[in-house]
Amino acid sequence: MTARLIRRLAASIFVVWLVASGTFFLVAFTPGDLASKMADPRISPAARQRLREHFGLDRPIWQRYSSWLAHAVSGDLGDSFLFRRPVREVLAQALPNTALLASWGLFLELALGLALGLVQAYKPHSFWDRLLSGLSLAAYAMPAFLVAAVLLWLLAYTFPVFPPSHMAEPQAPGLSFWGHLAETARHLALPALTVGLTGCGAVARYLRGSLLDEKRQAYMLAALARGCSKRRALLLHALPNALLPMITVLGLSLPFLVSGSLVVEVIFSWPGMGQVFYAAVTARDVPLIQAGTVLVTAAVVAGNWLADVAYSWADQRMRG
């Protein structure tokens, strides 16, 4: 198992390098650069050329790539063209907000998916099973921006329960710790619910199938024969075994969780990586685009690798 995980780790590092290199050349070969984005007629061509020389945009692409790769390996991500600050500072400010949104979105995805899957598997092929199956498929098929639009219309404008955007109101800096926490929770509710709803359908579908497979096993029949109720047998015997394949499902859902969180951040003006990416792409901020791509790719690859580690460990425990 150790050798296989080491090979997976090496392959993961190669994937991160490949995606980062592809993004670099894709941005580099796209027409225009930071200087061309400055449409102010007061900026002379000579000043624009000095700007390109200052940021190294006048050098050949292979020199820029080798310089970027050497600095990235050493941990130097460069300076942001747009924010005029080191890229690490920009990412350090935005990353905790994205992690907060993604973690609560994942929690809601698992909680809603487990609840739906258990209800469906308890009485399969019933009215509730068919109804929840349709709702799960609808949630799985709907894009994040559509779910966000529906939640905004319903819970922010029609029934103004939650605020529609940003992370806090202007008066939030003067609040106490608990007041600031409550304010953040109110603003987090709709973005996290959007992320959770778009992912809970897949969790429910996979869990329902796994539970129905486990209900046909001999140990379930033995538990029922000993007088165990159907609900108790489903929760205490079938559910732990059905959760084992869910480790792989969660690992595979990480790319959709990260990408969905970034889209949701732009819609709700949540000050995280999504907002930073959007501004960086608009301004052709190459160092920030590169660093953000590497960070998101590394997070997704690391999540899949950790899921593989957890599955291998859990599978050995089950066999043992």
Protein backbone atom coordinates (compact mmCIF):
# COMPACT_ATOMS: atom_id res chain seq x y z
CA MET A 1 0.00 0.00 0.00
CA THR A 2 2.84 2.43 0.85
CA ALA A 3 4.44 2.09 -2.57
CA ARG A 4 1.12 2.73 -4.29
CA LEU A 5 0.49 5.85 -2.22
CA ILE A 6 3.99 7.13 -2.99
CA ARG A 7 3.34 6.63 -6.70
CA ARG A 8 0.05 8.48 -6.34
CA LEU A 9 1.85 11.33 -4.56
CA ALA A 10 4.42 11.58 -7.35
CA ALA A 11 1.65 11.55 -9.94
CA SER A 12 -0.18 14.28 -7.98
CA ILE A 13 2.91 16.52 -8.01
CA PHE A 14 3.21 15.96 -11.76
CA VAL A 15 -0.45 16.92 -12.24
CA VAL A 16 0.03 20.17 -10.28
CA TRP A 17 3.07 21.07 -12.43
CA LEU A 18 1.24 20.18 -15.63
CA VAL A 19 -1.83 22.27 -14.80
CA ALA A 20 0.28 25.22 -13.64
CA SER A 21 2.44 25.10 -16.78
CA GLY A 22 -0.60 24.81 -19.02
CA THR A 23 -2.20 27.80 -17.33
CA PHE A 24 1.00 29.84 -17.72
CA PHE A 25 1.24 29.25 -21.46
CA LEU A 26 -2.51 29.68 -21.95
CA VAL A 27 -2.41 33.13 -20.33
CA ALA A 28 0.87 34.04 -22.01
CA PHE A 29 -0.37 33.23 -25.51
CA THR A 30 -3.68 35.04 -25.05
CA PRO A 31 -3.60 38.38 -26.90
CA GLY A 32 -3.02 41.42 -24.72
CA ASP A 33 -1.37 41.91 -21.34
CA LEU A 34 -1.59 44.19 -18.31
CA ALA A 35 -0.34 47.24 -20.20
CA SER A 36 -2.88 46.75 -22.99
CA LYS A 37 -5.69 46.65 -20.41
CA MET A 38 -4.94 50.23 -19.42
CA ALA A 39 -7.19 52.19 -21.72
CA ASP A 40 -6.44 55.56 -20.12
CA PRO A 41 -5.36 57.83 -22.99
CA ARG A 42 -3.17 59.81 -20.62
CA ILE A 43 -0.75 56.86 -20.41
CA SER A 44 1.78 57.26 -23.18
CA PRO A 45 3.11 54.32 -25.22
CA ALA A 46 6.52 54.85 -23.64
CA ALA A 47 5.04 54.57 -20.15
CA ARG A 48 3.24 51.38 -21.13
CA GLN A 49 6.47 49.95 -22.46
CA ARG A 50 8.25 50.79 -19.19
CA LEU A 51 5.45 49.04 -17.35
CA ARG A 52 5.91 45.92 -19.48
CA GLU A 53 9.66 46.02 -18.83
CA HIS A 54 9.09 46.49 -15.09
CA PHE A 55 6.96 43.34 -14.87
CA GLY A 56 9.14 41.38 -17.31
CA LEU A 57 6.43 41.14 -19.94
CA ASP A 58 8.84 42.14 -22.70
CA ARG A 59 11.01 39.05 -22.25
CA PRO A 60 10.61 35.86 -24.34
CA ILE A 61 8.03 33.46 -23.00
CA TRP A 62 10.51 30.70 -22.20
CA GLN A 63 12.57 33.06 -20.06
CA ARG A 64 9.45 34.16 -18.22
CA TYR A 65 8.38 30.55 -17.70
CA SER A 66 11.78 29.38 -16.40
CA SER A 67 11.99 32.38 -14.08
CA TRP A 68 8.47 31.79 -12.79
CA LEU A 69 9.09 28.07 -12.22
CA ALA A 70 12.37 28.68 -10.37
CA HIS A 71 10.77 31.24 -8.07
CA ALA A 72 7.63 29.12 -7.53
CA VAL A 73 9.67 26.10 -6.45
CA SER A 74 11.49 28.27 -3.92
CA GLY A 75 8.17 29.61 -2.58
CA ASP A 76 8.34 33.05 -4.18
CA LEU A 77 5.03 33.60 -5.99
CA GLY A 78 5.89 37.10 -7.15
CA ASP A 79 3.97 40.35 -6.84
CA SER A 80 0.42 40.95 -7.97
CA PHE A 81 0.12 43.41 -10.85
CA LEU A 82 -3.37 44.40 -9.75
CA PHE A 83 -3.10 44.65 -5.96
CA ARG A 84 0.54 45.88 -5.90
CA ARG A 85 1.31 43.46 -3.10
CA PRO A 86 3.06 40.09 -2.83
CA VAL A 87 0.82 37.33 -4.11
CA ARG A 88 1.21 35.42 -0.86
CA GLU A 89 -0.38 38.29 1.07
CA VAL A 90 -3.33 38.46 -1.34
CA LEU A 91 -3.92 34.71 -1.12
CA ALA A 92 -3.43 34.65 2.66
CA GLN A 93 -6.20 37.21 3.01
CA ALA A 94 -8.66 35.46 0.67
CA LEU A 95 -7.95 31.78 1.40
CA PRO A 96 -9.45 31.61 4.94
CA ASN A 97 -12.76 32.98 3.62
CA THR A 98 -12.86 30.38 0.85
CA ALA A 99 -11.96 27.63 3.34
CA LEU A 100 -14.78 28.78 5.62
CA LEU A 101 -17.31 28.68 2.79
CA ALA A 102 -16.10 25.35 1.39
CA SER A 103 -16.01 23.64 4.80
CA TRP A 104 -19.56 24.67 5.70
CA GLY A 105 -20.73 23.84 2.20
CA LEU A 106 -19.20 20.38 2.56
CA PHE A 107 -20.84 19.93 5.96
CA LEU A 108 -24.27 20.80 4.53
CA GLU A 109 -23.65 18.59 1.50
CA LEU A 110 -22.87 15.60 3.74
CA ALA A 111 -25.67 16.29 6.23
CA LEU A 112 -28.36 16.75 3.59
CA GLY A 113 -27.04 13.89 1.45
CA LEU A 114 -26.91 11.45 4.38
CA ALA A 115 -30.41 12.41 5.51
CA LEU A 116 -31.88 12.00 2.02
CA GLY A 117 -30.06 8.73 1.39
CA LEU A 118 -31.18 7.20 4.67
CA VAL A 119 -34.82 8.15 4.14
CA GLN A 120 -34.76 6.73 0.60
CA ALA A 121 -33.08 3.49 1.62
CA TYR A 122 -35.38 2.93 4.61
CA LYS A 123 -38.43 2.49 2.36
CA PRO A 124 -37.19 2.01 -1.19
CA HIS A 125 -39.57 2.39 -4.16
CA SER A 126 -42.10 4.21 -1.98
CA PHE A 127 -43.65 7.59 -2.69
CA TRP A 128 -41.03 9.40 -0.58
CA ASP A 129 -38.24 7.49 -2.27
CA ARG A 130 -39.45 8.52 -5.71
CA LEU A 131 -40.02 12.12 -4.62
CA LEU A 132 -36.61 12.47 -2.97
CA SER A 133 -34.92 10.72 -5.92
CA GLY A 134 -36.38 13.36 -8.23
CA LEU A 135 -35.28 16.16 -5.92
CA SER A 136 -31.79 14.65 -5.63
CA LEU A 137 -31.43 14.43 -9.39
CA ALA A 138 -32.67 18.00 -9.77
CA ALA A 139 -30.17 19.25 -7.19
CA TYR A 140 -27.38 17.32 -8.86
CA ALA A 141 -28.25 18.65 -12.33
CA MET A 142 -28.76 22.32 -11.46
CA PRO A 143 -25.70 24.57 -11.82
CA ALA A 144 -24.54 26.58 -8.85
CA PHE A 145 -25.48 29.95 -10.33
CA LEU A 146 -29.10 28.81 -10.82
CA VAL A 147 -29.39 27.53 -7.24
CA ALA A 148 -27.86 30.79 -6.02
CA ALA A 149 -30.34 32.84 -8.05
CA VAL A 150 -33.30 30.89 -6.64
CA LEU A 151 -32.06 31.24 -3.05
CA LEU A 152 -31.43 34.95 -3.52
CA TRP A 153 -34.91 35.50 -4.92
CA LEU A 154 -36.58 33.41 -2.22
CA LEU A 155 -34.60 34.07 0.99
CA ALA A 156 -33.00 37.45 0.37
CA TYR A 157 -35.61 39.44 -1.57
CA THR A 158 -39.05 37.75 -1.38
CA PHE A 159 -38.56 36.76 2.26
CA PRO A 160 -35.57 38.84 3.47
CA VAL A 161 -34.25 36.32 5.98
CA PHE A 162 -30.57 36.50 5.00
CA PRO A 163 -28.42 39.26 3.48
CA PRO A 164 -27.82 38.90 -0.27
CA SER A 165 -24.09 39.60 -0.52
CA HIS A 166 -20.73 40.33 1.10
CA MET A 167 -19.35 38.95 4.33
CA ALA A 168 -20.50 41.64 6.75
CA GLU A 169 -22.44 44.89 6.92
CA PRO A 170 -20.56 48.22 7.12
CA GLN A 171 -21.22 48.45 10.86
CA ALA A 172 -19.65 45.00 11.49
CA PRO A 173 -16.18 46.31 12.55
CA GLY A 174 -17.78 47.92 15.60
CA LEU A 175 -19.46 44.71 16.77
CA SER A 176 -18.29 42.47 19.58
CA PHE A 177 -16.77 39.07 18.93
CA TRP A 178 -20.10 37.26 19.22
CA GLY A 179 -21.85 39.94 17.20
CA HIS A 180 -19.25 39.65 14.46
CA LEU A 181 -19.61 35.85 14.54
CA ALA A 182 -23.39 36.10 14.18
CA GLU A 183 -23.04 38.62 11.36
CA THR A 184 -20.63 36.33 9.49
CA ALA A 185 -22.97 33.37 9.97
CA ARG A 186 -25.91 35.34 8.51
CA HIS A 187 -23.91 36.26 5.42
CA LEU A 188 -22.50 32.75 5.13
CA ALA A 189 -25.88 31.03 5.16
CA LEU A 190 -26.91 31.49 1.51
CA PRO A 191 -23.50 30.80 -0.09
CA ALA A 192 -22.94 27.68 2.04
CA LEU A 193 -26.48 26.45 1.39
CA THR A 194 -25.90 26.92 -2.36
CA VAL A 195 -22.74 24.80 -2.25
CA GLY A 196 -24.43 22.17 -0.07
CA LEU A 197 -27.54 21.86 -2.24
CA THR A 198 -25.55 21.44 -5.46
CA GLY A 199 -23.60 18.52 -3.99
CA CYS A 200 -26.05 16.73 -1.70
CA GLY A 201 -27.85 15.03 -4.61
CA ALA A 202 -24.79 13.00 -5.58
CA VAL A 203 -24.16 11.99 -1.94
CA ALA A 204 -27.79 10.90 -1.54
CA ARG A 205 -27.77 8.85 -4.77
CA TYR A 206 -24.55 7.02 -3.93
CA LEU A 207 -25.55 6.40 -0.33
CA ARG A 208 -28.96 5.04 -1.33
CA GLY A 209 -27.37 2.55 -3.74
CA SER A 210 -24.77 1.47 -1.19
CA LEU A 211 -27.38 1.01 1.54
CA LEU A 212 -29.64 -1.08 -0.71
CA ASP A 213 -26.66 -3.31 -1.54
CA GLU A 214 -25.82 -3.69 2.15
CA LYS A 215 -29.43 -4.54 3.06
CA ARG A 216 -29.17 -7.68 0.92
CA GLN A 217 -26.10 -8.97 2.79
CA ALA A 218 -26.25 -11.95 5.15
CA TYR A 219 -25.26 -9.96 8.25
CA MET A 220 -28.35 -7.78 7.81
CA LEU A 221 -30.60 -10.82 7.65
CA ALA A 222 -28.88 -12.17 10.75
CA ALA A 223 -29.42 -8.86 12.60
CA LEU A 224 -33.11 -8.87 11.71
CA ALA A 225 -33.39 -12.50 12.76
CA ARG A 226 -31.97 -11.62 16.19
CA GLY A 227 -34.83 -9.17 16.70
CA CYS A 228 -33.10 -5.97 15.60
CA SER A 229 -35.52 -3.43 14.14
CA LYS A 230 -35.15 -2.31 10.51
CA ARG A 231 -34.22 1.21 11.52
CA ARG A 232 -31.61 0.07 14.04
CA ALA A 233 -30.13 -2.45 11.60
CA LEU A 234 -29.95 0.22 8.90
CA LEU A 235 -28.20 2.75 11.14
CA LEU A 236 -25.89 0.51 13.17
CA HIS A 237 -25.03 -2.24 10.68
CA ALA A 238 -25.61 -1.15 7.10
CA LEU A 239 -24.64 2.52 7.34
CA PRO A 240 -21.00 2.05 8.53
CA ASN A 241 -20.31 -0.34 5.66
CA ALA A 242 -22.14 1.84 3.13
CA LEU A 243 -20.06 4.86 4.13
CA LEU A 244 -16.82 3.19 2.97
CA PRO A 245 -17.36 3.90 -0.76
CA MET A 246 -18.41 7.44 0.15
CA ILE A 247 -14.76 8.26 0.93
CA THR A 248 -13.96 7.90 -2.76
CA VAL A 249 -17.08 9.85 -3.72
CA LEU A 250 -16.05 12.74 -1.48
CA GLY A 251 -12.56 12.73 -2.96
CA LEU A 252 -13.97 12.89 -6.48
CA SER A 253 -16.38 15.68 -5.47
CA LEU A 254 -13.61 17.98 -4.28
CA PRO A 255 -13.01 19.55 -7.72
CA PHE A 256 -16.72 20.37 -8.00
CA LEU A 257 -16.77 21.65 -4.41
CA VAL A 258 -13.83 24.01 -5.05
CA SER A 259 -15.06 25.21 -8.45
CA GLY A 260 -18.60 25.62 -7.14
CA SER A 261 -17.35 27.66 -4.19
CA LEU A 262 -15.43 30.00 -6.50
CA VAL A 263 -18.51 30.61 -8.67
CA VAL A 264 -20.69 31.14 -5.61
CA GLU A 265 -18.22 33.67 -4.21
CA VAL A 266 -18.54 35.85 -7.30
CA ILE A 267 -22.36 35.70 -7.19
CA PHE A 268 -22.60 36.57 -3.49
CA SER A 269 -19.59 38.96 -3.46
CA TRP A 270 -17.94 36.75 -0.87
CA PRO A 271 -14.35 38.02 -0.35
CA GLY A 272 -12.50 34.80 -1.14
CA MET A 273 -10.49 33.16 -3.88
CA GLY A 274 -13.33 33.42 -6.38
CA GLN A 275 -13.38 37.20 -6.16
CA VAL A 276 -9.59 37.33 -6.40
CA PHE A 277 -9.56 35.03 -9.46
CA TYR A 278 -12.23 37.07 -11.18
CA ALA A 279 -10.32 40.31 -10.65
CA ALA A 280 -7.02 38.69 -11.66
CA VAL A 281 -8.39 37.27 -14.90
CA THR A 282 -10.06 40.56 -15.76
CA ALA A 283 -6.80 42.47 -15.23
CA ARG A 284 -4.57 39.76 -16.74
CA ASP A 285 -2.66 39.55 -13.45
CA VAL A 286 -0.44 36.62 -14.48
CA PRO A 287 1.38 36.01 -11.13
CA LEU A 288 -1.91 35.96 -9.22
CA ILE A 289 -3.61 33.72 -11.80
CA GLN A 290 -0.68 31.30 -11.69
CA ALA A 291 -0.48 31.18 -7.90
CA GLY A 292 -4.22 30.75 -7.51
CA THR A 293 -4.31 27.96 -10.07
CA VAL A 294 -1.46 26.13 -8.35
CA LEU A 295 -3.14 26.53 -4.97
CA VAL A 296 -6.56 25.29 -6.08
CA THR A 297 -5.05 22.40 -8.08
CA ALA A 298 -2.85 21.39 -5.16
CA ALA A 299 -5.84 21.46 -2.80
CA VAL A 300 -7.92 19.28 -5.11
CA VAL A 301 -5.08 16.81 -5.74
CA ALA A 302 -4.22 16.67 -2.04
CA GLY A 303 -7.86 16.01 -1.19
CA ASN A 304 -8.02 13.12 -3.64
CA TRP A 305 -4.74 11.71 -2.33
CA LEU A 306 -5.94 11.94 1.28
CA ALA A 307 -9.20 10.26 0.26
CA ASP A 308 -7.18 7.42 -1.27
CA VAL A 309 -5.15 7.12 1.94
CA ALA A 310 -8.31 7.09 4.08
CA TYR A 311 -9.99 4.52 1.83
CA SER A 312 -6.95 2.21 1.92
CA TRP A 313 -6.75 2.49 5.71
CA ALA A 314 -10.49 1.92 6.18
CA ASP A 315 -10.50 -0.97 3.72
CA GLN A 316 -7.71 -2.70 5.64
CA ARG A 317 -9.60 -2.15 8.89
CA MET A 318 -12.73 -3.69 7.38
CA ARG A 319 -10.79 -6.69 6.09
CA GLY A 320 -9.03 -7.09 9.37
